[in-house]
Each structure stands twice: as structure tokens, then as C-alpha cells.
Amino acid sequence: MVGLVYIGDDVIGEVDLSVIDESMGAIGGELLTLECYSKYRHSIQQRGIANSDNFNLRMIINGELIKPEGGISITHVEGFEPYVDSAGIDLNKIRF
């Protein structure tokens, strides 16, 4: 399942999501960045892990904005591809 990841109104990339912890309602996957990501890359890498508290992160799956209880985070360490994860999602409402 593909999700679009936003910071504010900027689409920064898409992610091919899979369930990473069913009991926690957690999903994740590698972020395929778009050009807009470059505006945020340095700030995200400085943090190591950027989350919804640091940035206005949003994710749209199947045309719907998800509202995870545990927020959304992006992990991006130099030398590795950025990774997006989110927890606290009702997985029954998302079609994988």
C-alpha cells in the first residue's frame, strides 16, 4: 500500500507501507523522496528521527488522511534511505 507523506502542504515523498507491528497498529516503509524533501532533509538528518512534534507530518493512504495515535516519524541518518513509520492506527480501516 502506498502512502503520500506531507510536511505542511508539501508532498515530500511516497512510501510503500507494510504492517511492522500489528498489535501496536504500526506501519512503515522506505520513503521515496520527491524534490520538495530537499527543503527539510538537513533538519531531519540533524534530528536523526523527526516526528509529528517537530514537523507538521501528515500521511494520506487511499485518499484519506490517517490520524495515528502515536504520530508519524521519519528516520534519516546519513548513508541510509529515509524510513517512515507510524503507530496507533486502526489497521482494520486501512486496506492492505
N, C-alpha and C. Protein backbone atom coordinates (compact mmCIF):
# COMPACT_ATOMS: atom_id res chain seq x y z
N MET A 1 0.83 -1.16 0.00
CA MET A 1 0.00 0.00 0.00
C MET A 1 0.89 1.24 0.00
N VAL A 2 0.56 2.18 -0.84
CA VAL A 2 1.36 3.40 -0.98
C VAL A 2 0.68 4.54 -0.23
N GLY A 3 1.48 5.28 0.52
CA GLY A 3 1.01 6.48 1.21
C GLY A 3 1.81 7.68 0.76
N LEU A 4 1.17 8.82 0.75
CA LEU A 4 1.85 10.08 0.46
C LEU A 4 2.18 10.75 1.79
N VAL A 5 3.41 11.25 1.91
CA VAL A 5 3.85 11.88 3.15
C VAL A 5 4.01 13.38 2.89
N TYR A 6 3.46 14.16 3.80
CA TYR A 6 3.48 15.62 3.70
C TYR A 6 4.17 16.22 4.91
N ILE A 7 4.82 17.35 4.68
CA ILE A 7 5.17 18.27 5.76
C ILE A 7 4.44 19.55 5.40
N GLY A 8 3.48 19.90 6.23
CA GLY A 8 2.60 21.02 5.89
C GLY A 8 1.86 20.70 4.61
N ASP A 9 1.95 21.60 3.64
CA ASP A 9 1.28 21.38 2.36
C ASP A 9 2.21 20.76 1.31
N ASP A 10 3.48 20.53 1.68
CA ASP A 10 4.46 19.98 0.75
C ASP A 10 4.44 18.45 0.75
N VAL A 11 4.25 17.86 -0.42
CA VAL A 11 4.37 16.40 -0.55
C VAL A 11 5.87 16.12 -0.63
N ILE A 12 6.40 15.43 0.38
CA ILE A 12 7.85 15.18 0.41
C ILE A 12 8.22 13.81 -0.15
N GLY A 13 7.24 12.93 -0.30
CA GLY A 13 7.55 11.63 -0.87
C GLY A 13 6.41 10.65 -0.73
N GLU A 14 6.66 9.46 -1.23
CA GLU A 14 5.70 8.38 -1.06
C GLU A 14 6.40 7.19 -0.44
N VAL A 15 5.62 6.39 0.23
CA VAL A 15 6.16 5.26 0.96
C VAL A 15 5.32 4.03 0.68
N ASP A 16 5.99 2.92 0.38
CA ASP A 16 5.31 1.63 0.21
C ASP A 16 5.22 1.00 1.59
N LEU A 17 4.05 1.08 2.18
CA LEU A 17 3.84 0.70 3.57
C LEU A 17 3.55 -0.78 3.76
N SER A 18 4.00 -1.29 4.88
CA SER A 18 3.62 -2.63 5.31
C SER A 18 3.41 -2.59 6.82
N VAL A 19 2.72 -3.57 7.34
CA VAL A 19 2.49 -3.66 8.78
C VAL A 19 3.80 -4.12 9.43
N ILE A 20 4.27 -3.36 10.41
CA ILE A 20 5.51 -3.74 11.09
C ILE A 20 5.25 -4.24 12.51
N ASP A 21 4.09 -3.91 13.08
CA ASP A 21 3.68 -4.45 14.38
C ASP A 21 2.16 -4.36 14.47
N GLU A 22 1.52 -5.48 14.23
CA GLU A 22 0.05 -5.49 14.18
C GLU A 22 -0.56 -5.10 15.53
N SER A 23 0.01 -5.59 16.64
CA SER A 23 -0.57 -5.32 17.95
C SER A 23 -0.49 -3.83 18.32
N MET A 24 0.48 -3.11 17.77
CA MET A 24 0.63 -1.69 18.03
C MET A 24 -0.01 -0.83 16.94
N GLY A 25 -0.58 -1.46 15.92
CA GLY A 25 -1.15 -0.72 14.80
C GLY A 25 -0.09 0.09 14.10
N ALA A 26 1.10 -0.53 13.92
CA ALA A 26 2.24 0.18 13.35
C ALA A 26 2.49 -0.23 11.90
N ILE A 27 2.76 0.79 11.08
CA ILE A 27 3.09 0.58 9.68
C ILE A 27 4.39 1.33 9.39
N GLY A 28 5.07 0.93 8.33
CA GLY A 28 6.29 1.64 7.98
C GLY A 28 6.82 1.22 6.63
N GLY A 29 7.80 1.96 6.16
CA GLY A 29 8.44 1.66 4.89
C GLY A 29 9.43 2.75 4.50
N GLU A 30 10.23 2.44 3.49
CA GLU A 30 11.23 3.37 2.98
C GLU A 30 10.56 4.53 2.24
N LEU A 31 11.01 5.74 2.51
CA LEU A 31 10.45 6.92 1.87
C LEU A 31 11.15 7.16 0.54
N LEU A 32 10.37 7.19 -0.52
CA LEU A 32 10.88 7.55 -1.84
C LEU A 32 10.66 9.05 -1.97
N THR A 33 11.73 9.81 -1.79
CA THR A 33 11.61 11.26 -1.68
C THR A 33 11.31 11.93 -3.01
N LEU A 34 10.62 13.04 -2.92
CA LEU A 34 10.36 13.92 -4.05
C LEU A 34 11.23 15.16 -3.86
N GLU A 35 11.27 16.00 -4.87
CA GLU A 35 12.13 17.19 -4.86
C GLU A 35 11.92 18.05 -3.61
N CYS A 36 10.69 18.17 -3.16
CA CYS A 36 10.36 19.01 -2.00
C CYS A 36 11.06 18.55 -0.72
N TYR A 37 11.41 17.28 -0.64
CA TYR A 37 12.08 16.75 0.56
C TYR A 37 13.38 17.49 0.85
N SER A 38 14.04 17.96 -0.20
CA SER A 38 15.35 18.61 -0.03
C SER A 38 15.26 19.84 0.89
N LYS A 39 14.10 20.48 0.97
CA LYS A 39 13.93 21.64 1.86
C LYS A 39 14.04 21.24 3.33
N TYR A 40 13.74 19.99 3.65
CA TYR A 40 13.67 19.52 5.04
C TYR A 40 14.78 18.53 5.40
N ARG A 41 15.47 18.03 4.40
CA ARG A 41 16.45 16.95 4.60
C ARG A 41 17.45 17.26 5.72
N HIS A 42 18.08 18.42 5.67
CA HIS A 42 19.10 18.76 6.65
C HIS A 42 18.52 18.76 8.07
N SER A 43 17.38 19.38 8.25
CA SER A 43 16.75 19.43 9.58
C SER A 43 16.38 18.05 10.08
N ILE A 44 15.87 17.21 9.20
CA ILE A 44 15.50 15.85 9.59
C ILE A 44 16.75 15.06 9.96
N GLN A 45 17.80 15.16 9.16
CA GLN A 45 19.03 14.42 9.45
C GLN A 45 19.70 14.91 10.73
N GLN A 46 19.62 16.18 11.03
CA GLN A 46 20.18 16.69 12.28
C GLN A 46 19.50 16.06 13.48
N ARG A 47 18.21 15.84 13.39
CA ARG A 47 17.46 15.22 14.49
C ARG A 47 17.67 13.71 14.54
N GLY A 48 17.93 13.11 13.38
CA GLY A 48 18.02 11.65 13.31
C GLY A 48 16.65 11.04 13.14
N ILE A 49 15.76 11.41 14.05
CA ILE A 49 14.36 10.99 13.95
C ILE A 49 13.50 12.24 14.09
N ALA A 50 12.77 12.56 13.05
CA ALA A 50 11.84 13.70 13.08
C ALA A 50 10.44 13.14 13.25
N ASN A 51 9.65 13.78 14.08
CA ASN A 51 8.29 13.28 14.28
C ASN A 51 7.27 14.39 14.18
N SER A 52 6.05 14.03 14.44
CA SER A 52 4.94 14.98 14.31
C SER A 52 5.07 16.17 15.25
N ASP A 53 5.83 16.03 16.33
CA ASP A 53 6.04 17.16 17.24
C ASP A 53 7.01 18.18 16.65
N ASN A 54 7.95 17.73 15.79
CA ASN A 54 8.95 18.61 15.19
C ASN A 54 8.47 19.24 13.89
N PHE A 55 7.68 18.51 13.14
CA PHE A 55 7.21 18.93 11.83
C PHE A 55 5.71 18.64 11.74
N ASN A 56 5.04 19.33 10.84
CA ASN A 56 3.62 19.07 10.62
C ASN A 56 3.51 17.90 9.64
N LEU A 57 3.85 16.69 10.13
CA LEU A 57 3.82 15.48 9.29
C LEU A 57 2.40 14.97 9.14
N ARG A 58 2.07 14.62 7.91
CA ARG A 58 0.76 14.01 7.62
C ARG A 58 0.98 12.90 6.61
N MET A 59 0.06 11.94 6.61
CA MET A 59 0.13 10.85 5.63
C MET A 59 -1.28 10.58 5.11
N ILE A 60 -1.34 10.42 3.78
CA ILE A 60 -2.61 10.10 3.14
C ILE A 60 -2.49 8.71 2.52
N ILE A 61 -3.43 7.86 2.87
CA ILE A 61 -3.48 6.50 2.35
C ILE A 61 -4.86 6.28 1.75
N ASN A 62 -4.91 5.77 0.54
CA ASN A 62 -6.19 5.55 -0.15
C ASN A 62 -7.03 6.82 -0.19
N GLY A 63 -6.39 7.97 -0.36
CA GLY A 63 -7.11 9.23 -0.44
C GLY A 63 -7.61 9.77 0.89
N GLU A 64 -7.28 9.09 1.99
CA GLU A 64 -7.75 9.53 3.31
C GLU A 64 -6.59 9.90 4.21
N LEU A 65 -6.75 11.00 4.92
CA LEU A 65 -5.77 11.42 5.91
C LEU A 65 -5.86 10.48 7.11
N ILE A 66 -4.74 9.85 7.48
CA ILE A 66 -4.77 8.97 8.64
C ILE A 66 -4.46 9.81 9.88
N LYS A 67 -4.98 9.37 11.01
CA LYS A 67 -4.77 10.07 12.27
C LYS A 67 -4.26 9.09 13.31
N PRO A 68 -2.97 8.75 13.23
CA PRO A 68 -2.41 7.77 14.15
C PRO A 68 -2.25 8.34 15.56
N GLU A 69 -2.62 7.55 16.55
CA GLU A 69 -2.47 7.96 17.96
C GLU A 69 -1.01 8.19 18.32
N GLY A 70 -0.11 7.41 17.73
CA GLY A 70 1.31 7.50 18.05
C GLY A 70 2.09 8.44 17.16
N GLY A 71 1.43 9.12 16.25
CA GLY A 71 2.10 10.05 15.36
C GLY A 71 2.80 9.39 14.20
N ILE A 72 3.57 10.19 13.49
CA ILE A 72 4.33 9.77 12.32
C ILE A 72 5.76 10.20 12.54
N SER A 73 6.73 9.37 12.14
CA SER A 73 8.12 9.79 12.25
C SER A 73 8.89 9.42 11.00
N ILE A 74 9.95 10.18 10.76
CA ILE A 74 10.87 9.92 9.67
C ILE A 74 12.26 9.76 10.28
N THR A 75 12.89 8.64 10.02
CA THR A 75 14.26 8.41 10.45
C THR A 75 15.14 8.54 9.23
N HIS A 76 16.12 9.45 9.31
CA HIS A 76 17.03 9.62 8.17
C HIS A 76 18.43 9.92 8.71
N VAL A 77 19.27 8.92 8.63
CA VAL A 77 20.66 9.02 9.06
C VAL A 77 21.51 8.99 7.80
N GLU A 78 22.54 9.81 7.75
CA GLU A 78 23.43 9.89 6.59
C GLU A 78 23.88 8.48 6.18
N GLY A 79 23.80 8.20 4.90
CA GLY A 79 24.22 6.90 4.37
C GLY A 79 23.08 5.89 4.25
N PHE A 80 21.92 6.24 4.76
CA PHE A 80 20.76 5.34 4.70
C PHE A 80 19.59 6.08 4.07
N GLU A 81 18.68 5.32 3.49
CA GLU A 81 17.47 5.90 2.93
C GLU A 81 16.53 6.30 4.08
N PRO A 82 15.75 7.36 3.91
CA PRO A 82 14.80 7.75 4.95
C PRO A 82 13.71 6.69 5.11
N TYR A 83 13.29 6.51 6.35
CA TYR A 83 12.29 5.50 6.70
C TYR A 83 11.16 6.18 7.46
N VAL A 84 9.93 5.86 7.09
CA VAL A 84 8.75 6.43 7.72
C VAL A 84 8.04 5.34 8.51
N ASP A 85 7.61 5.68 9.73
CA ASP A 85 6.77 4.74 10.47
C ASP A 85 5.71 5.52 11.24
N SER A 86 4.69 4.80 11.59
CA SER A 86 3.55 5.37 12.29
C SER A 86 2.91 4.28 13.14
N ALA A 87 2.42 4.66 14.32
CA ALA A 87 1.80 3.68 15.21
C ALA A 87 0.48 4.22 15.74
N GLY A 88 -0.33 3.30 16.24
CA GLY A 88 -1.62 3.68 16.79
C GLY A 88 -2.68 3.88 15.73
N ILE A 89 -2.61 3.04 14.71
CA ILE A 89 -3.57 3.12 13.60
C ILE A 89 -4.53 1.94 13.70
N ASP A 90 -5.80 2.17 13.46
CA ASP A 90 -6.76 1.07 13.36
C ASP A 90 -6.56 0.41 12.01
N LEU A 91 -5.82 -0.69 12.01
CA LEU A 91 -5.47 -1.36 10.75
C LEU A 91 -6.68 -1.94 10.03
N ASN A 92 -7.78 -2.12 10.73
CA ASN A 92 -9.00 -2.62 10.09
C ASN A 92 -9.59 -1.59 9.14
N LYS A 93 -9.23 -0.32 9.32
CA LYS A 93 -9.77 0.73 8.47
C LYS A 93 -8.91 0.98 7.23
N ILE A 94 -7.74 0.35 7.17
CA ILE A 94 -6.84 0.53 6.04
C ILE A 94 -6.80 -0.78 5.24
N ARG A 95 -6.99 -0.67 3.93
CA ARG A 95 -6.96 -1.85 3.08
C ARG A 95 -5.53 -2.08 2.59
N PHE A 96 -4.93 -3.18 3.02
CA PHE A 96 -3.58 -3.53 2.55
C PHE A 96 -3.66 -4.52 1.43
